[in-house]
Protein backbone atom coordinates (compact mmCIF):
# COMPACT_ATOMS: atom_id res chain seq x y z
CA MET A 1 11.96 7.80 28.39
CA LYS A 2 13.75 7.11 25.11
CA LYS A 3 11.54 5.43 22.54
CA LYS A 4 12.59 1.85 21.78
CA ASP A 5 14.11 1.31 18.34
CA GLN A 6 11.70 -1.04 16.56
CA THR A 7 13.73 -1.30 13.35
CA PRO A 8 13.79 -4.99 12.26
CA LEU A 9 17.20 -6.63 12.61
CA PRO A 10 17.45 -7.47 8.86
CA LEU A 11 17.00 -3.80 8.00
CA LYS A 12 19.62 -2.77 10.57
CA ILE A 13 22.07 -5.19 8.95
CA VAL A 14 21.28 -3.87 5.46
CA ARG A 15 21.82 -0.28 6.64
CA TRP A 16 25.27 -1.24 7.91
CA VAL A 17 26.27 -3.41 4.93
CA TYR A 18 24.91 -1.49 1.94
CA PRO A 19 27.09 1.67 1.96
CA LYS A 20 30.21 -0.48 2.41
CA LEU A 21 29.17 -2.75 -0.48
CA GLU A 22 28.49 0.32 -2.62
CA ARG A 23 32.04 1.54 -2.10
CA VAL A 24 33.85 -1.73 -2.88
CA ALA A 25 31.49 -3.32 -5.43
CA PRO A 26 28.96 -0.83 -6.81
CA SER A 27 27.60 -3.13 -9.54
CA LEU A 28 26.91 -5.85 -6.96
CA ALA A 29 25.33 -3.28 -4.65
CA HIS A 30 23.04 -2.11 -7.44
CA ARG A 31 21.84 -5.64 -8.15
CA TYR A 32 21.26 -6.09 -4.42
CA PHE A 33 19.25 -2.86 -4.36
CA ILE A 34 16.88 -4.21 -7.01
CA LYS A 35 16.33 -7.35 -4.95
CA LEU A 36 15.69 -5.30 -1.82
CA PHE A 37 13.31 -2.91 -3.56
CA PHE A 38 10.99 -5.70 -4.67
CA SER A 39 11.32 -7.87 -1.52
CA PRO A 40 9.07 -6.63 1.30
CA LEU A 41 10.02 -7.22 4.91
CA ARG A 42 7.51 -9.37 6.81
CA TYR A 43 6.61 -7.82 10.14
CA LYS A 44 4.99 -9.94 12.83
CA PRO A 45 1.28 -9.15 13.26
CA THR A 46 0.22 -7.79 16.63
CA ASP A 47 -1.87 -9.84 19.03
CA LYS A 48 -4.90 -7.72 18.12
CA GLU A 49 -4.32 -8.40 14.42
CA ARG A 50 -4.18 -12.14 15.13
CA LYS A 51 -7.46 -11.81 16.99
CA ALA A 52 -9.01 -10.15 13.93
CA GLU A 53 -7.99 -13.19 11.90
CA THR A 54 -9.93 -15.48 14.24
CA PHE A 55 -13.32 -14.03 13.32
CA ALA A 56 -12.63 -13.79 9.58
CA THR A 57 -13.74 -16.27 6.97
CA LYS A 58 -10.45 -17.25 5.35
CA PHE A 59 -9.96 -18.41 1.77
CA ILE A 60 -7.18 -18.85 -0.78
CA VAL A 61 -6.93 -17.54 -4.33
CA SER A 62 -4.11 -18.15 -6.81
CA VAL A 63 -2.31 -15.20 -8.38
CA ALA A 64 0.90 -15.41 -10.44
CA ASP A 65 1.44 -18.97 -9.16
CA LYS A 66 1.29 -17.76 -5.57
CA ARG A 67 -1.26 -18.76 -2.93
CA ILE A 68 -2.85 -15.52 -1.74
CA GLN A 69 -4.54 -15.41 1.65
CA GLY A 70 -7.93 -13.73 1.62
CA TYR A 71 -10.22 -12.65 4.46
CA GLN A 72 -13.89 -11.79 4.75
CA TRP A 73 -15.52 -10.20 7.76
CA GLY A 74 -19.31 -10.33 7.63
CA ALA A 75 -21.32 -13.29 6.38
CA ASP A 76 -24.32 -11.67 4.65
CA GLU A 77 -23.60 -12.11 0.94
CA LYS A 78 -26.40 -9.67 0.11
CA GLN A 79 -24.50 -6.82 1.73
CA PRO A 80 -22.15 -4.70 -0.38
CA TYR A 81 -18.51 -4.98 0.54
CA VAL A 82 -15.57 -2.68 1.09
CA LEU A 83 -12.21 -3.92 -0.16
CA VAL A 84 -9.15 -3.06 1.95
CA VAL A 85 -5.70 -2.95 0.34
CA HIS A 86 -2.65 -2.76 2.59
CA GLY A 87 0.69 -1.12 1.91
CA TRP A 88 4.23 -2.40 1.31
CA ALA A 89 5.26 -4.82 4.09
CA GLY A 90 1.70 -4.68 5.43
CA ARG A 91 -1.21 -7.07 6.01
CA ALA A 92 -4.98 -7.01 5.63
CA THR A 93 -5.44 -7.16 9.40
CA GLN A 94 -3.88 -3.71 9.76
CA PHE A 95 -7.42 -2.51 8.96
CA ARG A 96 -8.79 -4.38 11.97
CA ARG A 97 -10.26 -1.23 13.57
CA PHE A 98 -12.37 -0.61 10.46
CA ILE A 99 -14.06 -4.01 10.55
CA LYS A 100 -16.76 -3.67 13.20
CA PRO A 101 -17.74 -0.08 12.26
CA LEU A 102 -18.07 -1.07 8.60
CA ASN A 103 -20.05 -4.20 9.49
CA ALA A 104 -22.34 -2.06 11.67
CA ALA A 105 -22.80 0.33 8.73
CA GLY A 106 -24.01 -2.54 6.55
CA TYR A 107 -20.83 -3.55 4.72
CA ARG A 108 -18.82 -6.72 4.56
CA VAL A 109 -15.06 -6.17 4.69
CA ILE A 110 -12.85 -8.16 2.34
CA GLY A 111 -9.08 -8.02 2.18
CA PHE A 112 -5.98 -9.98 1.32
CA ASP A 113 -2.33 -10.32 2.17
CA GLY A 114 -0.64 -9.27 -1.06
CA PRO A 115 1.88 -11.46 -2.89
CA ALA A 116 5.00 -11.91 -0.71
CA HIS A 117 3.15 -10.34 2.24
CA GLY A 118 1.61 -11.63 5.46
CA ASN A 119 0.30 -15.19 5.12
CA SER A 120 0.57 -15.25 1.33
CA GLU A 121 3.28 -16.97 -0.68
CA GLY A 122 6.30 -15.36 -2.30
CA LYS A 123 9.48 -13.49 -1.47
CA LYS A 124 9.37 -10.80 -4.17
CA THR A 125 6.52 -8.93 -5.81
CA THR A 126 5.61 -5.90 -7.91
CA ILE A 127 2.68 -3.56 -8.49
CA LEU A 128 1.80 -5.78 -11.47
CA GLU A 129 1.14 -8.77 -9.19
CA PHE A 130 -0.91 -6.62 -6.83
CA GLU A 131 -2.99 -5.50 -9.81
CA LYS A 132 -3.63 -9.13 -10.77
CA THR A 133 -4.72 -9.78 -7.19
CA LEU A 134 -7.25 -6.95 -7.33
CA GLN A 135 -8.59 -8.32 -10.61
CA LYS A 136 -8.96 -11.77 -9.03
CA PHE A 137 -10.98 -10.34 -6.13
CA TYR A 138 -13.25 -8.45 -8.53
CA GLU A 139 -13.83 -11.72 -10.39
CA LYS A 140 -14.64 -13.56 -7.17
CA PHE A 141 -16.75 -10.97 -5.33
CA GLY A 142 -17.81 -8.42 -7.93
CA GLU A 143 -17.21 -4.69 -7.73
CA PRO A 144 -16.84 -3.27 -4.21
CA ALA A 145 -18.85 -0.33 -2.93
CA ALA A 146 -15.52 1.32 -2.11
CA ILE A 147 -11.84 0.58 -1.60
CA ILE A 148 -9.80 1.71 1.39
CA ALA A 149 -6.06 1.58 0.72
CA HIS A 150 -3.02 2.35 2.82
CA SER A 151 0.36 3.59 1.60
CA PHE A 152 1.58 1.58 -1.44
CA GLY A 153 -1.90 0.05 -1.70
CA GLY A 154 -3.26 3.40 -2.84
CA GLY A 155 -0.90 3.44 -5.80
CA VAL A 156 -1.89 -0.13 -6.65
CA VAL A 157 -5.57 0.79 -6.85
CA LEU A 158 -4.99 3.90 -8.97
CA PHE A 159 -2.70 1.87 -11.27
CA SER A 160 -5.44 -0.72 -11.68
CA ALA A 161 -8.06 1.98 -12.26
CA MET A 162 -5.88 3.55 -14.94
CA ASN A 163 -5.74 0.15 -16.63
CA GLY A 164 -9.53 -0.22 -16.65
CA LEU A 165 -10.54 -1.64 -13.26
CA ASN A 166 -13.84 0.01 -12.30
CA VAL A 167 -13.15 1.92 -9.08
CA ARG A 168 -16.08 4.04 -7.93
CA LYS A 169 -14.88 5.25 -4.54
CA LEU A 170 -11.34 5.17 -3.24
CA ILE A 171 -9.88 6.25 0.08
CA ASN A 172 -6.10 6.52 0.10
CA ILE A 173 -4.54 6.78 3.56
CA GLY A 174 -0.89 7.82 3.87
CA SER A 175 -0.26 7.00 0.22
CA PRO A 176 2.95 7.99 -1.64
CA THR A 177 2.67 9.86 -4.92
CA ILE A 178 5.94 11.49 -6.01
CA GLY A 179 8.48 9.26 -7.78
CA ASP A 180 11.72 10.90 -6.68
CA GLU A 181 10.57 11.09 -3.06
CA ILE A 182 9.64 7.40 -3.07
CA ILE A 183 13.09 6.47 -4.35
CA ASN A 184 14.89 8.85 -2.00
CA THR A 185 12.96 7.49 1.00
CA PHE A 186 14.10 3.96 0.12
CA LEU A 187 17.68 5.10 -0.45
CA LYS A 188 17.70 6.74 2.97
CA ALA A 189 16.21 3.64 4.60
CA ILE A 190 19.21 1.52 3.58
CA ASN A 191 21.91 4.26 3.59
CA ALA A 192 22.32 4.10 -0.19
CA SER A 193 23.74 6.90 -2.32
CA ALA A 194 22.20 8.96 -5.11
CA ALA A 195 24.20 6.88 -7.61
CA THR A 196 22.12 3.84 -6.67
CA GLY A 197 18.97 5.89 -7.26
CA GLU A 198 20.13 6.82 -10.77
CA PHE A 199 20.95 3.18 -11.50
CA PHE A 200 17.45 2.18 -10.36
CA LYS A 201 15.82 4.73 -12.66
CA SER A 202 17.78 3.35 -15.61
CA PHE A 203 16.90 -0.20 -14.59
CA MET A 204 13.18 0.61 -14.68
CA ILE A 205 13.42 2.01 -18.22
CA LYS A 206 15.47 -0.93 -19.49
CA THR A 207 13.30 -3.56 -17.79
CA TYR A 208 9.79 -2.16 -18.15
CA GLY A 209 10.14 0.39 -20.95
CA LYS A 210 8.81 3.11 -18.65
CA THR A 211 10.27 5.60 -16.22
CA PHE A 212 9.72 5.06 -12.51
CA ASP A 213 7.51 8.16 -12.52
CA GLU A 214 5.13 6.26 -14.81
CA PHE A 215 4.63 3.76 -11.96
CA THR A 216 3.50 6.38 -9.45
CA ALA A 217 0.07 7.60 -8.37
CA LEU A 218 0.84 11.08 -9.71
CA HIS A 219 1.02 9.57 -13.20
CA PHE A 220 -1.90 7.17 -12.75
CA VAL A 221 -4.35 9.82 -11.60
CA LYS A 222 -3.68 11.89 -14.73
CA HIS A 223 -4.62 8.97 -16.99
CA LEU A 224 -7.80 7.59 -15.43
CA PRO A 225 -10.31 6.50 -18.10
CA GLN A 226 -13.20 7.59 -15.90
CA PRO A 227 -13.61 9.76 -12.78
CA VAL A 228 -12.95 8.28 -9.34
CA ALA A 229 -14.44 9.69 -6.13
CA LEU A 230 -11.16 10.07 -4.27
CA LEU A 231 -10.60 10.86 -0.59
CA LEU A 232 -7.04 11.34 0.67
CA VAL A 233 -6.34 11.03 4.39
CA HIS A 234 -2.85 11.98 5.47
CA ASP A 235 -1.06 12.94 8.66
CA THR A 236 1.04 16.08 8.69
CA SER A 237 3.65 14.32 10.87
CA ASP A 238 3.94 11.19 8.70
CA ARG A 239 7.69 10.50 8.63
CA GLU A 240 7.50 7.81 5.95
CA VAL A 241 5.34 9.66 3.42
CA SER A 242 5.36 13.45 3.72
CA ILE A 243 2.27 15.62 3.30
CA ASN A 244 3.80 16.78 -0.02
CA HIS A 245 2.53 13.55 -1.60
CA PRO A 246 -1.24 14.03 -1.23
CA GLU A 247 -0.89 17.76 -1.89
CA ALA A 248 0.76 16.98 -5.23
CA LEU A 249 -2.05 14.54 -6.03
CA VAL A 250 -4.72 17.14 -5.30
CA ASN A 251 -2.93 19.60 -7.59
CA ALA A 252 -3.02 16.99 -10.35
CA TYR A 253 -6.58 15.83 -9.58
CA PRO A 254 -8.47 18.77 -8.04
CA GLN A 255 -11.70 16.82 -7.53
CA ALA A 256 -9.91 14.78 -4.84
CA ARG A 257 -10.61 15.74 -1.23
CA LEU A 258 -7.79 15.86 1.31
CA ILE A 259 -8.26 15.39 5.06
CA ARG A 260 -5.20 16.29 7.13
CA THR A 261 -4.66 14.79 10.57
CA GLU A 262 -2.06 15.61 13.20
CA GLY A 263 0.03 13.37 15.43
CA LEU A 264 -1.05 10.01 13.99
CA GLY A 265 1.94 9.18 11.81
CA HIS A 266 1.96 6.59 9.03
CA THR A 267 0.28 3.56 10.62
CA ARG A 268 -1.48 4.74 13.78
CA ILE A 269 -3.78 6.68 11.47
CA LEU A 270 -5.45 3.34 10.64
CA LYS A 271 -6.61 3.03 14.26
CA ASP A 272 -8.05 6.49 14.77
CA ASN A 273 -11.81 6.56 15.43
CA VAL A 274 -12.34 9.97 13.82
CA VAL A 275 -10.53 8.86 10.66
CA ILE A 276 -12.62 5.69 10.52
CA GLU A 277 -15.85 7.67 10.97
CA GLN A 278 -14.86 10.08 8.21
CA CYS A 279 -14.04 7.21 5.85
CA ILE A 280 -17.38 5.50 6.46
CA ALA A 281 -19.25 8.78 5.96
CA PHE A 282 -17.47 9.19 2.60
CA ILE A 283 -18.42 5.66 1.57
CA ARG A 284 -22.08 6.08 2.53
CA ASN A 285 -22.57 9.43 0.77
């Protein structure tokens, strides 16, 4: 049976429109690319994710003039907590399978829907706003025993750590690392050309005074002010973020440990019992 195409309709439209716009009005297409790059799609949560919301203690914090939805699972304030940080176009409840095992191991689980994600406010966001969100959660709850991050969330945490946030233990699952591959993956997703990629690189330098590579985990990990106990979990068949990414990170930061999985892809890896057990073992040791 042929697998159903689950590509969101807005993305299908962009894939059809963008190459045509590039041909007839490249400058307009480039401006549109910038908007797209910083505007995450909002996917509907699954029924099981909605159920996870029902037994969370919900709260709101304010970051960059946006109302950010926070969640806490586990009511014992004396227990240490594990902070979960989702990826681009993700939600805190994507870590739902981690909640009960972590609670049983003696940890509260705290997470948030990032700016312009999930139930939080905003249409556009950047790694800078995610960093401010992490800082806000540290202010509110103190330092976590560990952080579990998925995809883009892993880069956010390393960026924050580079800038002085005290991160003791970090687990990055399916996290991108290599600048050119991140850009090329996005170009491919919307059928954009290499010319758009070059424009984007120039835009980053003009706007932020830094190359795009300086906003990647491969750069962050080389400039950490203090060591981080780092576990990388990555699937060899991840079609969104290839295994080249964590391998490059280990080359740059040899003290990191890499666990390879097979057949779990980019998001199903967050539901795998063996992965969850390995993450909890890393946190407890």
